[in-house]
């Protein structure tokens, strides 16, 4: 389905966070997932591609496979599908948010502490926790909001408000992402190996 998507004459701004699927997986599986259960889940989801997926995402040598499942689902359903969308847009900007919030809205904060889960970047975008953030967090929050404010004002992420780093356009030959951390930096080919694999098995 995604393979047939196109964005004629549209600017696409798309991104993800590092652990987007983590709360979904822990909400769905309330207890540890064994290696056998991990295999069952993958077989049910991927069918004929089961052995390829197990080879690329082999079970961890721990009793609980939920962190691995969260990584797999984050890459397959969010990170790599986002890359595919960006490739199909005539103009695209991509980002990854890697800075964890001090306060996480998830029900089990001990599990998610130090992770950046679904929606956590919104605290920074809307400056909702500004009073509780460190100086680095407030700086990141302001800069993150400024990029989006720029686009609303001028359809250019990098002006008129000064930003710390030019947000580069995404190109298929060198896939550049803006990484929202402290300090903000660019990165190339985010999870390229995983995403090349996901492209092959499909979404």
N, C-alpha and C. Protein backbone atom coordinates (compact mmCIF):
# COMPACT_ATOMS: atom_id res chain seq x y z
N UNK A 1 0.83 -1.20 0.00
CA UNK A 1 0.00 0.00 0.00
C UNK A 1 0.87 1.26 0.00
N UNK A 2 1.87 1.31 0.89
CA UNK A 2 2.74 2.48 0.96
C UNK A 2 3.52 2.64 -0.33
N UNK A 3 3.88 1.53 -0.95
CA UNK A 3 4.70 1.58 -2.16
C UNK A 3 4.01 2.36 -3.28
N UNK A 4 2.68 2.45 -3.26
CA UNK A 4 1.95 3.13 -4.32
C UNK A 4 1.60 4.57 -3.96
N UNK A 5 2.11 5.06 -2.83
CA UNK A 5 1.79 6.41 -2.38
C UNK A 5 2.70 7.43 -3.05
N UNK A 6 2.14 8.61 -3.35
CA UNK A 6 2.95 9.69 -3.90
C UNK A 6 2.46 11.02 -3.33
N UNK A 7 3.32 12.03 -3.40
CA UNK A 7 3.00 13.35 -2.87
C UNK A 7 3.33 14.41 -3.92
N UNK A 8 2.54 14.49 -4.98
CA UNK A 8 2.87 15.45 -6.04
C UNK A 8 2.80 16.89 -5.54
N UNK A 9 3.90 17.62 -5.75
CA UNK A 9 3.98 19.06 -5.47
C UNK A 9 3.72 19.39 -4.00
N UNK A 10 3.95 18.46 -3.10
CA UNK A 10 3.74 18.72 -1.68
C UNK A 10 5.06 18.61 -0.92
N UNK A 11 5.25 19.51 0.05
CA UNK A 11 6.38 19.40 0.95
C UNK A 11 6.00 18.48 2.09
N UNK A 12 6.84 17.51 2.37
CA UNK A 12 6.57 16.55 3.43
C UNK A 12 7.58 16.74 4.55
N UNK A 13 7.08 16.93 5.77
CA UNK A 13 7.92 16.98 6.97
C UNK A 13 7.51 15.80 7.82
N UNK A 14 8.42 14.88 8.04
CA UNK A 14 8.05 13.63 8.70
C UNK A 14 9.19 13.19 9.61
N UNK A 15 8.83 12.57 10.72
CA UNK A 15 9.86 12.13 11.64
C UNK A 15 9.34 11.11 12.62
N UNK A 16 10.19 10.74 13.55
CA UNK A 16 9.82 9.74 14.54
C UNK A 16 10.59 10.01 15.82
N UNK A 17 10.35 9.18 16.81
CA UNK A 17 11.11 9.22 18.06
C UNK A 17 11.77 7.86 18.25
N UNK A 18 12.74 7.78 19.11
CA UNK A 18 13.59 6.59 19.16
C UNK A 18 12.87 5.33 19.64
N UNK A 19 11.88 5.47 20.51
CA UNK A 19 11.24 4.28 21.10
C UNK A 19 9.72 4.36 20.96
N UNK A 20 9.27 4.71 19.79
CA UNK A 20 7.87 5.05 19.57
C UNK A 20 6.91 3.92 19.96
N UNK A 21 7.29 2.68 19.70
CA UNK A 21 6.38 1.56 19.93
C UNK A 21 6.41 1.01 21.35
N UNK A 22 7.34 1.48 22.17
CA UNK A 22 7.54 0.88 23.49
C UNK A 22 6.27 0.85 24.34
N UNK A 23 5.55 1.96 24.51
CA UNK A 23 4.34 1.89 25.36
C UNK A 23 3.24 1.03 24.76
N UNK A 24 3.15 0.96 23.43
CA UNK A 24 2.15 0.11 22.80
C UNK A 24 2.42 -1.36 23.10
N UNK A 25 3.70 -1.75 23.00
CA UNK A 25 4.05 -3.15 23.24
C UNK A 25 3.83 -3.54 24.69
N UNK A 26 4.21 -2.66 25.62
CA UNK A 26 4.03 -2.98 27.03
C UNK A 26 2.56 -2.88 27.44
N UNK A 27 1.78 -2.11 26.71
CA UNK A 27 0.35 -2.09 26.96
C UNK A 27 -0.34 -3.34 26.45
N UNK A 28 0.16 -3.86 25.33
CA UNK A 28 -0.43 -5.06 24.73
C UNK A 28 0.01 -6.33 25.45
N UNK A 29 1.29 -6.37 25.83
CA UNK A 29 1.83 -7.55 26.52
C UNK A 29 2.20 -7.13 27.94
N UNK A 30 1.36 -7.50 28.88
CA UNK A 30 1.52 -7.05 30.27
C UNK A 30 2.57 -7.85 31.03
N UNK A 31 2.98 -8.97 30.49
CA UNK A 31 3.99 -9.80 31.15
C UNK A 31 5.12 -10.07 30.16
N UNK A 32 6.27 -10.55 30.64
CA UNK A 32 7.39 -10.81 29.74
C UNK A 32 7.01 -11.76 28.60
N UNK A 33 7.60 -11.53 27.44
CA UNK A 33 7.38 -12.35 26.25
C UNK A 33 8.57 -13.29 26.09
N UNK A 34 8.30 -14.59 26.06
CA UNK A 34 9.36 -15.58 25.93
C UNK A 34 9.85 -15.66 24.48
N UNK A 35 10.94 -16.38 24.27
CA UNK A 35 11.46 -16.58 22.92
C UNK A 35 10.44 -17.31 22.06
N UNK A 36 9.78 -18.32 22.62
CA UNK A 36 8.77 -19.06 21.87
C UNK A 36 7.61 -18.14 21.47
N UNK A 37 7.16 -17.32 22.41
CA UNK A 37 6.07 -16.39 22.10
C UNK A 37 6.52 -15.35 21.07
N UNK A 38 7.77 -14.93 21.16
CA UNK A 38 8.32 -14.00 20.18
C UNK A 38 8.23 -14.61 18.77
N UNK A 39 8.61 -15.88 18.66
CA UNK A 39 8.55 -16.56 17.37
C UNK A 39 7.10 -16.67 16.89
N UNK A 40 6.18 -16.97 17.79
CA UNK A 40 4.76 -17.06 17.41
C UNK A 40 4.25 -15.73 16.87
N UNK A 41 4.61 -14.65 17.53
CA UNK A 41 4.17 -13.31 17.11
C UNK A 41 4.71 -12.99 15.71
N UNK A 42 5.99 -13.27 15.51
CA UNK A 42 6.58 -12.97 14.20
C UNK A 42 5.99 -13.83 13.10
N UNK A 43 5.73 -15.09 13.40
CA UNK A 43 5.14 -15.96 12.38
C UNK A 43 3.73 -15.49 12.02
N UNK A 44 2.97 -15.09 13.03
CA UNK A 44 1.62 -14.60 12.77
C UNK A 44 1.61 -13.31 11.95
N UNK A 45 2.61 -12.47 12.15
CA UNK A 45 2.65 -11.18 11.45
C UNK A 45 3.28 -11.27 10.07
N UNK A 46 4.35 -12.05 9.96
CA UNK A 46 5.16 -11.99 8.74
C UNK A 46 5.04 -13.21 7.84
N UNK A 47 4.41 -14.28 8.33
CA UNK A 47 4.13 -15.42 7.48
C UNK A 47 5.35 -15.95 6.74
N UNK A 48 5.33 -15.85 5.41
CA UNK A 48 6.41 -16.40 4.59
C UNK A 48 7.75 -15.71 4.82
N UNK A 49 7.72 -14.51 5.38
CA UNK A 49 8.97 -13.80 5.67
C UNK A 49 9.49 -14.07 7.08
N UNK A 50 8.87 -15.02 7.76
CA UNK A 50 9.21 -15.28 9.16
C UNK A 50 10.70 -15.53 9.36
N UNK A 51 11.29 -16.42 8.59
CA UNK A 51 12.70 -16.77 8.80
C UNK A 51 13.62 -15.59 8.50
N UNK A 52 13.26 -14.78 7.52
CA UNK A 52 14.06 -13.60 7.21
C UNK A 52 14.03 -12.61 8.38
N UNK A 53 12.84 -12.44 8.97
CA UNK A 53 12.70 -11.49 10.08
C UNK A 53 13.45 -11.99 11.31
N UNK A 54 13.34 -13.28 11.61
CA UNK A 54 14.06 -13.85 12.76
C UNK A 54 15.57 -13.74 12.57
N UNK A 55 16.02 -13.91 11.34
CA UNK A 55 17.45 -13.79 11.08
C UNK A 55 17.93 -12.35 11.27
N UNK A 56 17.10 -11.40 10.85
CA UNK A 56 17.51 -9.99 10.98
C UNK A 56 17.31 -9.47 12.40
N UNK A 57 16.27 -9.94 13.06
CA UNK A 57 15.99 -9.54 14.44
C UNK A 57 15.98 -10.79 15.33
N UNK A 58 17.14 -11.41 15.56
CA UNK A 58 17.18 -12.64 16.36
C UNK A 58 16.80 -12.37 17.81
N UNK A 59 16.25 -13.37 18.50
CA UNK A 59 15.86 -13.17 19.91
C UNK A 59 17.05 -12.76 20.77
N UNK A 60 16.77 -11.92 21.75
CA UNK A 60 17.80 -11.54 22.71
C UNK A 60 18.02 -12.67 23.71
N UNK A 61 19.19 -12.68 24.31
CA UNK A 61 19.49 -13.71 25.31
C UNK A 61 19.01 -13.27 26.69
N UNK A 62 17.75 -12.91 26.75
CA UNK A 62 17.12 -12.51 28.01
C UNK A 62 15.75 -13.18 28.06
N UNK A 63 15.11 -13.12 29.22
CA UNK A 63 13.82 -13.77 29.38
C UNK A 63 12.67 -13.00 28.75
N UNK A 64 12.86 -11.72 28.53
CA UNK A 64 11.77 -10.87 28.04
C UNK A 64 12.14 -10.28 26.69
N UNK A 65 11.35 -10.61 25.67
CA UNK A 65 11.62 -10.14 24.31
C UNK A 65 10.85 -8.86 23.97
N UNK A 66 10.17 -8.27 24.93
CA UNK A 66 9.39 -7.06 24.63
C UNK A 66 10.25 -5.89 24.16
N UNK A 67 11.42 -5.64 24.75
CA UNK A 67 12.25 -4.55 24.20
C UNK A 67 12.63 -4.77 22.74
N UNK A 68 12.93 -6.02 22.38
CA UNK A 68 13.26 -6.32 20.99
C UNK A 68 12.04 -6.13 20.09
N UNK A 69 10.88 -6.59 20.54
CA UNK A 69 9.66 -6.38 19.77
C UNK A 69 9.39 -4.89 19.57
N UNK A 70 9.63 -4.11 20.61
CA UNK A 70 9.42 -2.67 20.50
C UNK A 70 10.35 -2.06 19.47
N UNK A 71 11.60 -2.51 19.47
CA UNK A 71 12.55 -2.00 18.47
C UNK A 71 12.10 -2.40 17.06
N UNK A 72 11.72 -3.67 16.89
CA UNK A 72 11.28 -4.14 15.58
C UNK A 72 10.08 -3.34 15.09
N UNK A 73 9.08 -3.17 15.95
CA UNK A 73 7.87 -2.47 15.53
C UNK A 73 8.12 -0.98 15.31
N UNK A 74 9.00 -0.39 16.10
CA UNK A 74 9.34 1.01 15.87
C UNK A 74 9.97 1.19 14.50
N UNK A 75 10.90 0.30 14.16
CA UNK A 75 11.56 0.43 12.85
C UNK A 75 10.58 0.13 11.72
N UNK A 76 9.84 -0.94 11.84
CA UNK A 76 8.99 -1.39 10.73
C UNK A 76 7.79 -0.47 10.50
N UNK A 77 7.12 -0.09 11.58
CA UNK A 77 5.87 0.66 11.41
C UNK A 77 6.05 2.17 11.40
N UNK A 78 7.16 2.68 11.93
CA UNK A 78 7.33 4.13 12.01
C UNK A 78 8.60 4.62 11.30
N UNK A 79 9.76 4.21 11.78
CA UNK A 79 11.02 4.75 11.25
C UNK A 79 11.18 4.48 9.76
N UNK A 80 11.03 3.23 9.38
CA UNK A 80 11.34 2.84 8.00
C UNK A 80 10.21 3.18 7.03
N UNK A 81 8.98 3.07 7.48
CA UNK A 81 7.88 3.50 6.62
C UNK A 81 7.93 5.01 6.40
N UNK A 82 8.38 5.76 7.42
CA UNK A 82 8.55 7.21 7.24
C UNK A 82 9.61 7.51 6.19
N UNK A 83 10.68 6.73 6.20
CA UNK A 83 11.73 6.92 5.19
C UNK A 83 11.17 6.68 3.79
N UNK A 84 10.32 5.68 3.65
CA UNK A 84 9.73 5.38 2.35
C UNK A 84 8.84 6.53 1.88
N UNK A 85 8.05 7.10 2.80
CA UNK A 85 7.24 8.26 2.46
C UNK A 85 8.13 9.42 2.01
N UNK A 86 9.22 9.67 2.74
CA UNK A 86 10.12 10.77 2.40
C UNK A 86 10.73 10.59 1.02
N UNK A 87 11.03 9.36 0.67
CA UNK A 87 11.61 9.10 -0.65
C UNK A 87 10.64 9.41 -1.78
N UNK A 88 9.35 9.34 -1.50
CA UNK A 88 8.35 9.53 -2.54
C UNK A 88 7.90 10.98 -2.67
N UNK A 89 8.31 11.83 -1.75
CA UNK A 89 7.92 13.23 -1.80
C UNK A 89 8.91 14.03 -2.65
N UNK A 90 8.43 15.01 -3.41
CA UNK A 90 9.37 15.83 -4.20
C UNK A 90 10.29 16.66 -3.32
N UNK A 91 9.79 17.12 -2.17
CA UNK A 91 10.60 17.84 -1.19
C UNK A 91 10.25 17.27 0.18
N UNK A 92 11.25 16.79 0.89
CA UNK A 92 11.00 16.18 2.19
C UNK A 92 12.06 16.61 3.20
N UNK A 93 11.61 16.72 4.45
CA UNK A 93 12.49 16.99 5.58
C UNK A 93 12.18 15.93 6.64
N UNK A 94 13.21 15.28 7.16
CA UNK A 94 13.01 14.21 8.12
C UNK A 94 13.73 14.52 9.43
N UNK A 95 13.18 13.98 10.51
CA UNK A 95 13.82 14.22 11.81
C UNK A 95 13.64 13.01 12.72
N UNK A 96 14.50 12.96 13.73
CA UNK A 96 14.41 11.97 14.80
C UNK A 96 14.54 12.73 16.12
N UNK A 97 13.61 12.47 17.04
CA UNK A 97 13.66 13.12 18.35
C UNK A 97 14.21 12.11 19.35
N UNK A 98 15.34 12.44 19.97
CA UNK A 98 16.04 11.47 20.83
C UNK A 98 16.18 11.92 22.28
N UNK A 99 15.61 13.07 22.62
CA UNK A 99 15.82 13.64 23.95
C UNK A 99 14.64 13.26 24.86
N UNK A 100 14.86 12.43 25.89
CA UNK A 100 13.74 11.97 26.71
C UNK A 100 13.22 13.07 27.63
N UNK A 101 11.89 13.11 27.83
CA UNK A 101 11.33 14.10 28.75
C UNK A 101 11.60 13.72 30.20
N UNK A 102 11.58 14.71 31.07
CA UNK A 102 11.75 14.45 32.49
C UNK A 102 10.52 13.72 33.04
N UNK A 103 9.35 14.15 32.60
CA UNK A 103 8.10 13.54 33.03
C UNK A 103 7.50 12.79 31.87
N UNK A 104 7.28 11.50 32.04
CA UNK A 104 6.70 10.69 30.98
C UNK A 104 5.27 10.36 31.37
N UNK A 105 4.34 10.57 30.44
CA UNK A 105 2.93 10.35 30.74
C UNK A 105 2.52 8.91 30.78
N UNK A 106 3.44 7.99 30.47
CA UNK A 106 3.08 6.58 30.45
C UNK A 106 2.78 6.08 31.87
N UNK A 107 1.99 5.01 31.93
CA UNK A 107 1.53 4.53 33.23
C UNK A 107 2.65 3.88 34.04
N UNK A 108 3.64 3.29 33.37
CA UNK A 108 4.72 2.61 34.07
C UNK A 108 6.02 3.34 33.78
N UNK A 109 6.27 4.42 34.50
CA UNK A 109 7.41 5.28 34.18
C UNK A 109 8.74 4.59 34.41
N UNK A 110 8.78 3.57 35.30
CA UNK A 110 10.04 2.88 35.54
C UNK A 110 10.51 2.14 34.29
N UNK A 111 9.58 1.67 33.47
CA UNK A 111 9.92 0.98 32.23
C UNK A 111 10.37 1.98 31.17
N UNK A 112 9.70 3.12 31.09
CA UNK A 112 9.92 4.05 30.00
C UNK A 112 10.91 5.16 30.33
N UNK A 113 11.39 5.20 31.56
CA UNK A 113 12.32 6.25 31.95
C UNK A 113 13.56 6.21 31.07
N UNK A 114 13.93 7.36 30.54
CA UNK A 114 15.11 7.44 29.68
C UNK A 114 14.84 7.12 28.23
N UNK A 115 13.60 6.75 27.90
CA UNK A 115 13.22 6.46 26.52
C UNK A 115 12.38 7.61 25.97
N UNK A 116 12.35 7.72 24.65
CA UNK A 116 11.50 8.72 23.99
C UNK A 116 10.40 7.96 23.28
N UNK A 117 9.20 8.02 23.85
CA UNK A 117 8.08 7.23 23.36
C UNK A 117 7.10 8.08 22.55
N UNK A 118 6.08 7.42 22.05
CA UNK A 118 5.08 8.07 21.21
C UNK A 118 4.51 9.32 21.90
N UNK A 119 4.61 10.46 21.24
CA UNK A 119 4.05 11.70 21.75
C UNK A 119 4.94 12.49 22.69
N UNK A 120 6.07 11.92 23.11
CA UNK A 120 6.92 12.63 24.08
C UNK A 120 7.49 13.92 23.52
N UNK A 121 7.70 13.98 22.20
CA UNK A 121 8.26 15.20 21.61
C UNK A 121 7.29 16.37 21.67
N UNK A 122 6.00 16.07 21.86
CA UNK A 122 5.00 17.15 21.89
C UNK A 122 5.17 18.05 23.11
N UNK A 123 5.68 17.48 24.22
CA UNK A 123 5.97 18.31 25.39
C UNK A 123 6.93 19.44 25.02
N UNK A 124 7.89 19.13 24.16
CA UNK A 124 8.89 20.12 23.76
C UNK A 124 8.36 21.05 22.68
N UNK A 125 7.61 20.51 21.74
CA UNK A 125 7.09 21.33 20.66
C UNK A 125 6.17 22.42 21.19
N UNK A 126 5.29 22.07 22.13
CA UNK A 126 4.35 23.04 22.68
C UNK A 126 4.82 23.66 23.99
N UNK A 127 6.07 23.34 24.37
CA UNK A 127 6.71 23.92 25.55
C UNK A 127 5.86 23.72 26.81
N UNK A 128 5.22 22.54 26.89
CA UNK A 128 4.27 22.27 27.96
C UNK A 128 4.94 22.05 29.32
N UNK A 129 6.16 21.54 29.33
CA UNK A 129 6.84 21.24 30.58
C UNK A 129 8.02 22.18 30.82
N UNK A 130 7.97 23.34 30.21
CA UNK A 130 9.13 24.23 30.22
C UNK A 130 9.64 24.52 31.63
N UNK A 131 8.73 24.74 32.57
CA UNK A 131 9.14 25.08 33.93
C UNK A 131 9.88 23.94 34.61
N UNK A 132 9.65 22.71 34.16
CA UNK A 132 10.27 21.55 34.79
C UNK A 132 11.52 21.06 34.06
N UNK A 133 11.86 21.70 32.94
CA UNK A 133 12.98 21.24 32.14
C UNK A 133 14.30 21.83 32.63
N UNK A 134 15.37 21.14 32.32
CA UNK A 134 16.70 21.69 32.55
C UNK A 134 16.96 22.80 31.54
N UNK A 135 18.08 23.49 31.71
CA UNK A 135 18.44 24.53 30.75
C UNK A 135 18.58 23.94 29.35
N UNK A 136 19.17 22.75 29.26
CA UNK A 136 19.32 22.10 27.95
C UNK A 136 17.96 21.75 27.37
N UNK A 137 17.05 21.27 28.20
CA UNK A 137 15.72 20.92 27.73
C UNK A 137 14.94 22.14 27.25
N UNK A 138 15.07 23.26 27.97
CA UNK A 138 14.39 24.49 27.54
C UNK A 138 14.96 25.01 26.23
N UNK A 139 16.27 24.90 26.09
CA UNK A 139 16.90 25.33 24.84
C UNK A 139 16.41 24.47 23.67
N UNK A 140 16.37 23.17 23.88
CA UNK A 140 15.89 22.28 22.83
C UNK A 140 14.43 22.55 22.50
N UNK A 141 13.62 22.78 23.53
CA UNK A 141 12.20 23.06 23.33
C UNK A 141 12.00 24.31 22.48
N UNK A 142 12.73 25.36 22.79
CA UNK A 142 12.62 26.61 22.02
C UNK A 142 13.03 26.40 20.57
N UNK A 143 14.14 25.71 20.37
CA UNK A 143 14.62 25.49 19.01
C UNK A 143 13.67 24.61 18.21
N UNK A 144 13.17 23.56 18.85
CA UNK A 144 12.23 22.66 18.18
C UNK A 144 10.99 23.43 17.74
N UNK A 145 10.45 24.25 18.63
CA UNK A 145 9.27 25.05 18.30
C UNK A 145 9.57 26.07 17.21
N UNK A 146 10.78 26.62 17.20
CA UNK A 146 11.12 27.65 16.21
C UNK A 146 11.12 27.11 14.78
N UNK A 147 11.56 25.87 14.60
CA UNK A 147 11.53 25.30 13.24
C UNK A 147 10.10 25.26 12.71
N UNK A 148 9.18 24.80 13.55
CA UNK A 148 7.79 24.68 13.10
C UNK A 148 7.14 26.05 12.96
N UNK A 149 7.51 26.99 13.83
CA UNK A 149 7.00 28.35 13.69
C UNK A 149 7.47 28.97 12.38
N UNK A 150 8.73 28.73 12.04
CA UNK A 150 9.25 29.22 10.76
C UNK A 150 8.43 28.70 9.59
N UNK A 151 8.13 27.41 9.64
CA UNK A 151 7.38 26.85 8.51
C UNK A 151 5.98 27.45 8.43
N UNK A 152 5.36 27.67 9.58
CA UNK A 152 4.03 28.28 9.58
C UNK A 152 4.07 29.70 9.01
N UNK A 153 5.17 30.41 9.28
CA UNK A 153 5.28 31.79 8.82
C UNK A 153 5.70 31.91 7.36
N UNK A 154 6.63 31.06 6.94
CA UNK A 154 7.26 31.28 5.63
C UNK A 154 7.33 30.05 4.74
N UNK A 155 6.84 28.91 5.23
CA UNK A 155 7.01 27.62 4.54
C UNK A 155 8.49 27.29 4.33
N UNK A 156 9.31 27.83 5.20
CA UNK A 156 10.75 27.53 5.21
C UNK A 156 11.13 27.24 6.66
N UNK A 157 11.55 26.02 6.93
CA UNK A 157 11.86 25.62 8.31
C UNK A 157 13.01 26.42 8.91
N UNK A 158 13.84 27.00 8.08
CA UNK A 158 15.09 27.61 8.55
C UNK A 158 15.07 29.13 8.68
N UNK A 159 13.94 29.76 8.38
CA UNK A 159 13.83 31.21 8.51
C UNK A 159 12.36 31.62 8.59
N UNK A 160 12.02 32.78 9.16
CA UNK A 160 12.89 33.91 9.51
C UNK A 160 13.55 33.84 10.89
N UNK A 161 13.00 33.04 11.82
CA UNK A 161 13.62 32.95 13.14
C UNK A 161 14.93 32.18 13.04
N UNK A 162 15.96 32.69 13.67
CA UNK A 162 17.25 32.03 13.61
C UNK A 162 17.19 30.68 14.31
N UNK A 163 17.74 29.67 13.67
CA UNK A 163 17.79 28.31 14.22
C UNK A 163 19.25 27.89 14.34
N UNK A 164 19.55 26.96 15.25
CA UNK A 164 20.96 26.62 15.50
C UNK A 164 21.63 25.84 14.38
N UNK A 165 20.82 25.19 13.54
CA UNK A 165 21.39 24.34 12.49
C UNK A 165 20.40 24.30 11.33
N UNK A 166 20.91 24.42 10.12
CA UNK A 166 20.04 24.34 8.95
C UNK A 166 19.47 22.93 8.84
N UNK A 167 18.15 22.85 8.73
CA UNK A 167 17.50 21.56 8.54
C UNK A 167 17.63 21.18 7.07
N UNK A 168 18.44 20.17 6.74
CA UNK A 168 18.69 19.85 5.33
C UNK A 168 17.53 19.08 4.71
N UNK A 169 17.39 19.24 3.41
CA UNK A 169 16.40 18.44 2.69
C UNK A 169 16.85 16.99 2.62
N UNK A 170 15.88 16.11 2.58
CA UNK A 170 16.12 14.68 2.47
C UNK A 170 16.34 14.33 1.00
N UNK A 171 17.42 13.61 0.72
CA UNK A 171 17.69 13.14 -0.64
C UNK A 171 17.94 11.64 -0.58
N UNK A 172 17.55 10.94 -1.64
CA UNK A 172 17.67 9.49 -1.64
C UNK A 172 19.11 9.00 -1.62
N UNK A 173 20.03 9.80 -2.15
CA UNK A 173 21.42 9.34 -2.18
C UNK A 173 22.08 9.50 -0.81
N UNK A 174 21.85 10.63 -0.15
CA UNK A 174 22.33 10.84 1.22
C UNK A 174 21.12 11.24 2.05
N UNK A 175 20.61 10.31 2.84
CA UNK A 175 19.37 10.53 3.58
C UNK A 175 19.68 11.22 4.90
N UNK A 176 19.55 12.54 4.91
CA UNK A 176 19.91 13.33 6.08
C UNK A 176 18.68 13.56 6.97
N UNK A 177 18.89 13.39 8.26
CA UNK A 177 17.88 13.63 9.27
C UNK A 177 18.38 14.72 10.22
N UNK A 178 17.45 15.51 10.73
CA UNK A 178 17.80 16.41 11.82
C UNK A 178 17.50 15.69 13.12
N UNK A 179 18.51 15.58 13.96
CA UNK A 179 18.39 14.84 15.22
C UNK A 179 18.18 15.85 16.34
N UNK A 180 17.00 15.80 16.96
CA UNK A 180 16.68 16.72 18.04
C UNK A 180 17.15 16.12 19.36
N UNK A 181 18.32 16.60 19.78
CA UNK A 181 18.93 16.26 21.05
C UNK A 181 19.66 17.52 21.51
N UNK A 182 20.53 17.41 22.47
CA UNK A 182 21.30 18.58 22.88
C UNK A 182 22.79 18.27 22.77
N UNK A 183 23.49 18.89 21.81
CA UNK A 183 22.98 19.87 20.84
C UNK A 183 22.30 19.19 19.65
N UNK A 184 21.51 19.95 18.91
CA UNK A 184 20.89 19.45 17.69
C UNK A 184 21.98 19.17 16.66
N UNK A 185 21.83 18.07 15.94
CA UNK A 185 22.82 17.74 14.92
C UNK A 185 22.13 17.01 13.77
N UNK A 186 22.84 16.89 12.66
CA UNK A 186 22.33 16.10 11.54
C UNK A 186 22.95 14.71 11.57
N UNK A 187 22.22 13.76 11.04
CA UNK A 187 22.75 12.40 10.92
C UNK A 187 22.35 11.86 9.56
N UNK A 188 23.17 10.96 9.05
CA UNK A 188 22.93 10.36 7.75
C UNK A 188 22.42 8.93 7.90
N UNK A 189 21.45 8.57 7.05
CA UNK A 189 21.06 7.16 6.88
C UNK A 189 20.67 6.49 8.19
N UNK A 190 19.73 7.10 8.90
CA UNK A 190 19.28 6.60 10.20
C UNK A 190 18.71 5.18 10.05
N UNK A 191 19.28 4.22 10.77
CA UNK A 191 18.88 2.81 10.74
C UNK A 191 18.75 2.28 9.31
N UNK A 192 19.73 2.60 8.50
CA UNK A 192 19.67 2.23 7.08
C UNK A 192 19.54 0.73 6.88
N UNK A 193 20.32 -0.08 7.60
CA UNK A 193 20.27 -1.53 7.40
C UNK A 193 18.89 -2.08 7.73
N UNK A 194 18.33 -1.65 8.86
CA UNK A 194 17.00 -2.12 9.23
C UNK A 194 15.96 -1.68 8.21
N UNK A 195 16.09 -0.45 7.73
CA UNK A 195 15.09 0.08 6.80
C UNK A 195 15.21 -0.55 5.42
N UNK A 196 16.43 -0.82 4.98
CA UNK A 196 16.59 -1.54 3.72
C UNK A 196 15.93 -2.92 3.81
N UNK A 197 16.09 -3.55 4.96
CA UNK A 197 15.46 -4.86 5.16
C UNK A 197 13.93 -4.73 5.16
N UNK A 198 13.41 -3.76 5.89
CA UNK A 198 11.95 -3.58 5.96
C UNK A 198 11.36 -3.25 4.59
N UNK A 199 12.10 -2.49 3.79
CA UNK A 199 11.63 -2.20 2.43
C UNK A 199 11.46 -3.49 1.63
N UNK A 200 12.34 -4.44 1.85
CA UNK A 200 12.29 -5.69 1.09
C UNK A 200 11.11 -6.57 1.48
N UNK A 201 10.79 -6.61 2.78
CA UNK A 201 9.68 -7.47 3.20
C UNK A 201 8.34 -6.77 3.07
N UNK A 202 8.36 -5.44 2.96
CA UNK A 202 7.13 -4.69 2.76
C UNK A 202 6.48 -4.25 4.06
N UNK A 203 5.49 -3.38 3.91
CA UNK A 203 4.83 -2.78 5.07
C UNK A 203 3.34 -3.12 5.07
